[in-house]
Amino acid sequence: MAAWTAHYEAHLLDTTILYEGVAATLARLSVPLAVLSNKPKAMTHAILEGLGIARHFAASLGGDSLPSKKPDPSGVREILRRTGAARAVLIGDTPVDVETARAAQIPCWGAAYGFAGRAALEMAGADSVFDRFEEIEKLETA
């Protein structure tokens, strides 16, 4: 595991890119944003910084930020505490994200273009599934 971690840490941004429309959409959103990842916090922060989007997030937690990881709802609760938000929506691309949202009793919007795909997100029970990141702006007002 140590060798994998060292390799991954050294190559985090080799092929990691933002999906089309993400940077512009993040700049337009008017709600506090946060990141909850099971990746270690240092790697999560390095990716956000490397992609030039860290400034859009009021908080970010990695898998080592708390005693438990997703799907435990403690990360969502901590983000709500840190941002002062009264409610939230989890935007994710895996069934674990849907499970996390359910455990935290918040909606989950699934990114069909992400890791697991539309069918897996729908089967997991995502409240909405979208094909382009820009679509969250429509969902935000729904």
N, C-alpha and C. Protein backbone atom coordinates (compact mmCIF):
# COMPACT_ATOMS: atom_id res chain seq x y z
N MET A 1 0.82 -1.20 0.00
CA MET A 1 0.00 0.00 0.00
C MET A 1 0.87 1.27 0.00
N ALA A 2 1.96 1.21 0.73
CA ALA A 2 2.84 2.37 0.80
C ALA A 2 3.42 2.71 -0.58
N ALA A 3 3.79 1.69 -1.34
CA ALA A 3 4.34 1.93 -2.68
C ALA A 3 3.27 2.52 -3.60
N TRP A 4 2.05 1.99 -3.53
CA TRP A 4 0.96 2.52 -4.35
C TRP A 4 0.70 3.98 -3.99
N THR A 5 0.63 4.27 -2.69
CA THR A 5 0.35 5.63 -2.24
C THR A 5 1.42 6.59 -2.73
N ALA A 6 2.67 6.20 -2.61
CA ALA A 6 3.77 7.06 -3.07
C ALA A 6 3.68 7.30 -4.57
N HIS A 7 3.39 6.26 -5.33
CA HIS A 7 3.26 6.40 -6.78
C HIS A 7 2.08 7.31 -7.14
N TYR A 8 0.95 7.06 -6.52
CA TYR A 8 -0.25 7.85 -6.81
C TYR A 8 -0.02 9.32 -6.45
N GLU A 9 0.58 9.56 -5.31
CA GLU A 9 0.86 10.92 -4.86
C GLU A 9 1.78 11.65 -5.86
N ALA A 10 2.73 10.93 -6.41
CA ALA A 10 3.67 11.53 -7.36
C ALA A 10 3.04 11.79 -8.73
N HIS A 11 1.92 11.12 -9.02
CA HIS A 11 1.32 11.20 -10.36
C HIS A 11 -0.15 11.63 -10.33
N LEU A 12 -0.57 12.29 -9.27
CA LEU A 12 -1.97 12.69 -9.10
C LEU A 12 -2.56 13.41 -10.30
N LEU A 13 -1.78 14.27 -10.89
CA LEU A 13 -2.30 15.14 -11.93
C LEU A 13 -1.80 14.77 -13.34
N ASP A 14 -1.18 13.61 -13.47
CA ASP A 14 -0.66 13.21 -14.79
C ASP A 14 -1.77 13.14 -15.83
N THR A 15 -2.89 12.58 -15.48
CA THR A 15 -3.99 12.43 -16.44
C THR A 15 -5.31 12.99 -15.88
N THR A 16 -5.25 13.63 -14.74
CA THR A 16 -6.46 14.18 -14.13
C THR A 16 -6.77 15.54 -14.75
N ILE A 17 -7.98 15.67 -15.28
CA ILE A 17 -8.42 16.93 -15.86
C ILE A 17 -9.84 17.21 -15.40
N LEU A 18 -10.25 18.46 -15.51
CA LEU A 18 -11.62 18.82 -15.20
C LEU A 18 -12.51 18.43 -16.37
N TYR A 19 -13.70 17.96 -16.04
CA TYR A 19 -14.68 17.75 -17.09
C TYR A 19 -15.08 19.10 -17.68
N GLU A 20 -15.52 19.08 -18.91
CA GLU A 20 -15.95 20.30 -19.59
C GLU A 20 -17.02 21.02 -18.77
N GLY A 21 -16.87 22.32 -18.64
CA GLY A 21 -17.86 23.15 -17.96
C GLY A 21 -17.73 23.24 -16.46
N VAL A 22 -16.84 22.46 -15.85
CA VAL A 22 -16.74 22.46 -14.38
C VAL A 22 -16.23 23.79 -13.86
N ALA A 23 -15.13 24.29 -14.37
CA ALA A 23 -14.55 25.53 -13.85
C ALA A 23 -15.53 26.70 -13.96
N ALA A 24 -16.16 26.85 -15.11
CA ALA A 24 -17.10 27.96 -15.31
C ALA A 24 -18.33 27.81 -14.41
N THR A 25 -18.80 26.59 -14.26
CA THR A 25 -19.98 26.37 -13.41
C THR A 25 -19.65 26.65 -11.95
N LEU A 26 -18.52 26.18 -11.48
CA LEU A 26 -18.13 26.45 -10.10
C LEU A 26 -18.07 27.95 -9.84
N ALA A 27 -17.57 28.70 -10.80
CA ALA A 27 -17.47 30.16 -10.65
C ALA A 27 -18.83 30.83 -10.57
N ARG A 28 -19.84 30.23 -11.18
CA ARG A 28 -21.18 30.82 -11.19
C ARG A 28 -22.05 30.42 -10.00
N LEU A 29 -21.74 29.33 -9.34
CA LEU A 29 -22.60 28.86 -8.25
C LEU A 29 -22.58 29.84 -7.09
N SER A 30 -23.73 29.99 -6.46
CA SER A 30 -23.85 30.99 -5.38
C SER A 30 -24.07 30.35 -4.02
N VAL A 31 -23.72 29.09 -3.88
CA VAL A 31 -23.89 28.38 -2.61
C VAL A 31 -22.52 27.95 -2.10
N PRO A 32 -22.38 27.77 -0.79
CA PRO A 32 -21.10 27.26 -0.29
C PRO A 32 -20.86 25.84 -0.83
N LEU A 33 -19.66 25.61 -1.26
CA LEU A 33 -19.29 24.31 -1.82
C LEU A 33 -18.23 23.66 -0.94
N ALA A 34 -18.24 22.33 -0.93
CA ALA A 34 -17.24 21.59 -0.16
C ALA A 34 -16.93 20.29 -0.90
N VAL A 35 -15.82 19.69 -0.55
CA VAL A 35 -15.41 18.41 -1.12
C VAL A 35 -15.30 17.40 0.01
N LEU A 36 -15.89 16.22 -0.22
CA LEU A 36 -15.78 15.10 0.70
C LEU A 36 -15.24 13.92 -0.10
N SER A 37 -14.03 13.53 0.17
CA SER A 37 -13.37 12.46 -0.60
C SER A 37 -12.86 11.39 0.35
N ASN A 38 -12.77 10.18 -0.14
CA ASN A 38 -12.12 9.12 0.63
C ASN A 38 -10.62 9.09 0.38
N LYS A 39 -10.13 9.90 -0.58
CA LYS A 39 -8.69 10.04 -0.77
C LYS A 39 -8.12 10.74 0.47
N PRO A 40 -6.86 10.53 0.79
CA PRO A 40 -6.25 11.29 1.88
C PRO A 40 -6.38 12.80 1.63
N LYS A 41 -6.51 13.57 2.69
CA LYS A 41 -6.73 15.01 2.59
C LYS A 41 -5.63 15.70 1.78
N ALA A 42 -4.38 15.34 2.01
CA ALA A 42 -3.28 15.99 1.29
C ALA A 42 -3.41 15.77 -0.22
N MET A 43 -3.81 14.58 -0.62
CA MET A 43 -3.99 14.30 -2.06
C MET A 43 -5.20 15.06 -2.60
N THR A 44 -6.27 15.08 -1.84
CA THR A 44 -7.47 15.82 -2.25
C THR A 44 -7.13 17.29 -2.46
N HIS A 45 -6.44 17.88 -1.50
CA HIS A 45 -6.06 19.29 -1.60
C HIS A 45 -5.13 19.52 -2.80
N ALA A 46 -4.17 18.62 -3.01
CA ALA A 46 -3.24 18.77 -4.12
C ALA A 46 -3.98 18.73 -5.46
N ILE A 47 -4.98 17.87 -5.57
CA ILE A 47 -5.75 17.79 -6.82
C ILE A 47 -6.55 19.07 -7.03
N LEU A 48 -7.22 19.55 -5.98
CA LEU A 48 -8.00 20.78 -6.11
C LEU A 48 -7.11 21.96 -6.48
N GLU A 49 -5.96 22.06 -5.84
CA GLU A 49 -5.01 23.14 -6.15
C GLU A 49 -4.47 22.98 -7.57
N GLY A 50 -4.05 21.78 -7.91
CA GLY A 50 -3.46 21.52 -9.21
C GLY A 50 -4.42 21.80 -10.37
N LEU A 51 -5.71 21.58 -10.12
CA LEU A 51 -6.71 21.85 -11.16
C LEU A 51 -7.19 23.30 -11.13
N GLY A 52 -6.70 24.07 -10.15
CA GLY A 52 -7.04 25.49 -10.07
C GLY A 52 -8.45 25.78 -9.57
N ILE A 53 -9.02 24.88 -8.80
CA ILE A 53 -10.40 25.08 -8.33
C ILE A 53 -10.52 25.11 -6.81
N ALA A 54 -9.45 25.02 -6.09
CA ALA A 54 -9.51 24.98 -4.63
C ALA A 54 -10.24 26.19 -4.04
N ARG A 55 -10.09 27.34 -4.66
CA ARG A 55 -10.67 28.57 -4.13
C ARG A 55 -12.20 28.54 -4.09
N HIS A 56 -12.81 27.63 -4.84
CA HIS A 56 -14.28 27.55 -4.89
C HIS A 56 -14.88 26.80 -3.70
N PHE A 57 -14.05 26.18 -2.89
CA PHE A 57 -14.56 25.31 -1.83
C PHE A 57 -14.29 25.87 -0.44
N ALA A 58 -15.37 25.99 0.32
CA ALA A 58 -15.27 26.51 1.68
C ALA A 58 -14.65 25.50 2.62
N ALA A 59 -14.74 24.23 2.27
CA ALA A 59 -14.18 23.16 3.10
C ALA A 59 -13.85 21.97 2.22
N SER A 60 -12.89 21.20 2.66
CA SER A 60 -12.60 19.93 2.00
C SER A 60 -12.11 18.94 3.04
N LEU A 61 -12.64 17.74 2.95
CA LEU A 61 -12.26 16.67 3.87
C LEU A 61 -11.77 15.49 3.05
N GLY A 62 -10.73 14.86 3.54
CA GLY A 62 -10.23 13.64 2.92
C GLY A 62 -10.57 12.44 3.79
N GLY A 63 -10.22 11.28 3.31
CA GLY A 63 -10.53 10.06 4.03
C GLY A 63 -9.84 9.95 5.37
N ASP A 64 -8.80 10.73 5.57
CA ASP A 64 -8.09 10.70 6.85
C ASP A 64 -8.41 11.92 7.72
N SER A 65 -9.42 12.70 7.34
CA SER A 65 -9.79 13.89 8.12
C SER A 65 -10.58 13.55 9.37
N LEU A 66 -11.29 12.45 9.34
CA LEU A 66 -12.15 12.02 10.44
C LEU A 66 -11.87 10.54 10.71
N PRO A 67 -12.37 10.01 11.81
CA PRO A 67 -12.14 8.59 12.11
C PRO A 67 -12.78 7.63 11.11
N SER A 68 -13.81 8.07 10.39
CA SER A 68 -14.47 7.17 9.44
C SER A 68 -14.59 7.86 8.07
N LYS A 69 -14.78 7.04 7.05
CA LYS A 69 -14.89 7.52 5.67
C LYS A 69 -16.31 7.31 5.16
N LYS A 70 -16.59 7.86 3.96
CA LYS A 70 -17.84 7.56 3.30
C LYS A 70 -17.97 6.04 3.19
N PRO A 71 -19.11 5.49 3.42
CA PRO A 71 -20.44 6.07 3.46
C PRO A 71 -20.91 6.56 4.83
N ASP A 72 -20.03 6.57 5.83
CA ASP A 72 -20.42 7.13 7.13
C ASP A 72 -20.81 8.59 6.94
N PRO A 73 -21.89 9.04 7.53
CA PRO A 73 -22.37 10.41 7.33
C PRO A 73 -21.60 11.48 8.10
N SER A 74 -20.61 11.10 8.89
CA SER A 74 -19.91 12.09 9.72
C SER A 74 -19.21 13.15 8.87
N GLY A 75 -18.73 12.80 7.69
CA GLY A 75 -18.09 13.79 6.82
C GLY A 75 -19.06 14.85 6.37
N VAL A 76 -20.27 14.45 6.00
CA VAL A 76 -21.30 15.41 5.61
C VAL A 76 -21.62 16.32 6.78
N ARG A 77 -21.78 15.74 7.94
CA ARG A 77 -22.10 16.55 9.14
C ARG A 77 -20.99 17.54 9.46
N GLU A 78 -19.75 17.11 9.30
CA GLU A 78 -18.62 18.01 9.57
C GLU A 78 -18.57 19.14 8.56
N ILE A 79 -18.86 18.85 7.31
CA ILE A 79 -18.90 19.90 6.29
C ILE A 79 -20.01 20.89 6.61
N LEU A 80 -21.17 20.42 7.00
CA LEU A 80 -22.26 21.33 7.38
C LEU A 80 -21.82 22.22 8.54
N ARG A 81 -21.13 21.63 9.50
CA ARG A 81 -20.65 22.41 10.65
C ARG A 81 -19.64 23.47 10.20
N ARG A 82 -18.70 23.08 9.38
CA ARG A 82 -17.64 24.00 8.95
C ARG A 82 -18.16 25.12 8.06
N THR A 83 -19.14 24.83 7.24
CA THR A 83 -19.64 25.84 6.31
C THR A 83 -20.80 26.63 6.90
N GLY A 84 -21.39 26.15 7.97
CA GLY A 84 -22.54 26.81 8.56
C GLY A 84 -23.81 26.61 7.75
N ALA A 85 -23.78 25.69 6.80
CA ALA A 85 -24.95 25.43 5.96
C ALA A 85 -26.00 24.65 6.76
N ALA A 86 -27.25 24.97 6.54
CA ALA A 86 -28.35 24.28 7.21
C ALA A 86 -28.77 23.03 6.44
N ARG A 87 -28.49 23.02 5.15
CA ARG A 87 -28.86 21.86 4.34
C ARG A 87 -27.82 21.69 3.24
N ALA A 88 -27.88 20.52 2.61
CA ALA A 88 -26.87 20.21 1.60
C ALA A 88 -27.41 19.21 0.59
N VAL A 89 -26.69 19.12 -0.50
CA VAL A 89 -26.90 18.10 -1.53
C VAL A 89 -25.52 17.50 -1.78
N LEU A 90 -25.45 16.19 -1.81
CA LEU A 90 -24.20 15.53 -2.14
C LEU A 90 -24.20 15.24 -3.64
N ILE A 91 -23.19 15.72 -4.33
CA ILE A 91 -23.03 15.44 -5.75
C ILE A 91 -21.91 14.43 -5.87
N GLY A 92 -22.24 13.28 -6.43
CA GLY A 92 -21.25 12.22 -6.50
C GLY A 92 -21.37 11.38 -7.75
N ASP A 93 -20.45 10.43 -7.89
CA ASP A 93 -20.46 9.59 -9.08
C ASP A 93 -20.39 8.10 -8.77
N THR A 94 -20.65 7.73 -7.53
CA THR A 94 -20.63 6.30 -7.17
C THR A 94 -21.80 5.96 -6.26
N PRO A 95 -22.16 4.70 -6.20
CA PRO A 95 -23.18 4.27 -5.24
C PRO A 95 -22.80 4.57 -3.79
N VAL A 96 -21.52 4.61 -3.47
CA VAL A 96 -21.09 4.97 -2.11
C VAL A 96 -21.51 6.40 -1.81
N ASP A 97 -21.45 7.28 -2.80
CA ASP A 97 -21.90 8.65 -2.59
C ASP A 97 -23.40 8.70 -2.30
N VAL A 98 -24.17 7.90 -3.02
CA VAL A 98 -25.61 7.83 -2.77
C VAL A 98 -25.86 7.30 -1.36
N GLU A 99 -25.14 6.26 -0.99
CA GLU A 99 -25.28 5.68 0.35
C GLU A 99 -24.92 6.70 1.44
N THR A 100 -23.88 7.48 1.19
CA THR A 100 -23.47 8.52 2.14
C THR A 100 -24.57 9.56 2.31
N ALA A 101 -25.14 9.99 1.20
CA ALA A 101 -26.22 10.97 1.26
C ALA A 101 -27.41 10.41 2.03
N ARG A 102 -27.76 9.17 1.76
CA ARG A 102 -28.89 8.55 2.48
C ARG A 102 -28.61 8.51 3.98
N ALA A 103 -27.39 8.11 4.34
CA ALA A 103 -27.02 8.04 5.76
C ALA A 103 -27.08 9.40 6.43
N ALA A 104 -26.76 10.46 5.65
CA ALA A 104 -26.79 11.82 6.19
C ALA A 104 -28.17 12.47 6.03
N GLN A 105 -29.07 11.77 5.40
CA GLN A 105 -30.45 12.24 5.18
C GLN A 105 -30.49 13.53 4.35
N ILE A 106 -29.70 13.51 3.26
CA ILE A 106 -29.70 14.62 2.31
C ILE A 106 -29.87 14.04 0.90
N PRO A 107 -30.28 14.87 -0.06
CA PRO A 107 -30.39 14.39 -1.45
C PRO A 107 -29.03 14.10 -2.06
N CYS A 108 -29.04 13.25 -3.08
CA CYS A 108 -27.83 12.96 -3.84
C CYS A 108 -28.11 13.14 -5.31
N TRP A 109 -27.28 13.95 -5.97
CA TRP A 109 -27.35 14.13 -7.41
C TRP A 109 -26.15 13.39 -8.01
N GLY A 110 -26.42 12.54 -8.97
CA GLY A 110 -25.37 11.70 -9.53
C GLY A 110 -24.84 12.19 -10.86
N ALA A 111 -23.53 12.17 -10.99
CA ALA A 111 -22.86 12.55 -12.23
C ALA A 111 -22.72 11.31 -13.10
N ALA A 112 -23.57 11.20 -14.13
CA ALA A 112 -23.61 10.02 -14.99
C ALA A 112 -22.29 9.80 -15.73
N TYR A 113 -21.54 10.86 -15.97
CA TYR A 113 -20.30 10.78 -16.72
C TYR A 113 -19.12 10.34 -15.86
N GLY A 114 -19.35 10.14 -14.58
CA GLY A 114 -18.28 9.82 -13.65
C GLY A 114 -17.97 8.34 -13.55
N PHE A 115 -17.42 7.96 -12.44
CA PHE A 115 -16.84 6.64 -12.22
C PHE A 115 -17.82 5.49 -12.46
N ALA A 116 -18.99 5.52 -11.88
CA ALA A 116 -19.89 4.36 -11.91
C ALA A 116 -20.87 4.36 -13.08
N GLY A 117 -21.24 5.53 -13.58
CA GLY A 117 -22.18 5.62 -14.68
C GLY A 117 -23.63 5.75 -14.24
N ARG A 118 -24.46 6.11 -15.18
CA ARG A 118 -25.88 6.39 -14.94
C ARG A 118 -26.62 5.21 -14.31
N ALA A 119 -26.50 4.03 -14.89
CA ALA A 119 -27.28 2.88 -14.41
C ALA A 119 -26.99 2.58 -12.94
N ALA A 120 -25.72 2.61 -12.57
CA ALA A 120 -25.36 2.31 -11.17
C ALA A 120 -25.90 3.37 -10.22
N LEU A 121 -25.87 4.63 -10.64
CA LEU A 121 -26.39 5.70 -9.79
C LEU A 121 -27.90 5.62 -9.66
N GLU A 122 -28.57 5.34 -10.75
CA GLU A 122 -30.02 5.19 -10.69
C GLU A 122 -30.41 3.99 -9.84
N MET A 123 -29.70 2.88 -10.00
CA MET A 123 -29.98 1.68 -9.22
C MET A 123 -29.75 1.94 -7.73
N ALA A 124 -28.73 2.75 -7.42
CA ALA A 124 -28.43 3.07 -6.02
C ALA A 124 -29.45 4.03 -5.42
N GLY A 125 -30.25 4.69 -6.28
CA GLY A 125 -31.30 5.57 -5.77
C GLY A 125 -30.97 7.04 -5.74
N ALA A 126 -30.05 7.49 -6.60
CA ALA A 126 -29.76 8.93 -6.66
C ALA A 126 -31.05 9.69 -6.95
N ASP A 127 -31.21 10.84 -6.34
CA ASP A 127 -32.42 11.64 -6.52
C ASP A 127 -32.53 12.22 -7.91
N SER A 128 -31.39 12.51 -8.52
CA SER A 128 -31.34 13.03 -9.87
C SER A 128 -30.00 12.59 -10.44
N VAL A 129 -29.97 12.36 -11.75
CA VAL A 129 -28.71 12.00 -12.41
C VAL A 129 -28.56 12.93 -13.60
N PHE A 130 -27.39 13.53 -13.73
CA PHE A 130 -27.16 14.51 -14.80
C PHE A 130 -25.98 14.08 -15.67
N ASP A 131 -25.98 14.58 -16.90
CA ASP A 131 -24.97 14.19 -17.89
C ASP A 131 -23.86 15.22 -18.07
N ARG A 132 -24.10 16.46 -17.72
CA ARG A 132 -23.11 17.52 -17.85
C ARG A 132 -23.12 18.33 -16.55
N PHE A 133 -21.94 18.71 -16.08
CA PHE A 133 -21.83 19.39 -14.80
C PHE A 133 -22.68 20.66 -14.74
N GLU A 134 -22.80 21.34 -15.87
CA GLU A 134 -23.58 22.58 -15.90
C GLU A 134 -25.02 22.37 -15.45
N GLU A 135 -25.53 21.15 -15.58
CA GLU A 135 -26.91 20.86 -15.21
C GLU A 135 -27.19 21.05 -13.72
N ILE A 136 -26.16 21.07 -12.90
CA ILE A 136 -26.42 21.27 -11.46
C ILE A 136 -26.97 22.66 -11.18
N GLU A 137 -26.72 23.61 -12.07
CA GLU A 137 -27.31 24.94 -11.90
C GLU A 137 -28.82 24.89 -11.99
N LYS A 138 -29.35 24.08 -12.86
CA LYS A 138 -30.81 23.91 -12.94
C LYS A 138 -31.32 23.19 -11.71
N LEU A 139 -30.58 22.17 -11.28
CA LEU A 139 -30.99 21.42 -10.10
C LEU A 139 -30.94 22.28 -8.85
N GLU A 140 -29.97 23.20 -8.80
CA GLU A 140 -29.79 24.07 -7.64
C GLU A 140 -31.05 24.87 -7.34
N THR A 141 -31.76 25.25 -8.37
CA THR A 141 -32.95 26.08 -8.16
C THR A 141 -34.22 25.25 -8.08
N ALA A 142 -34.13 23.97 -8.30
CA ALA A 142 -35.32 23.08 -8.27
C ALA A 142 -35.78 22.79 -6.85
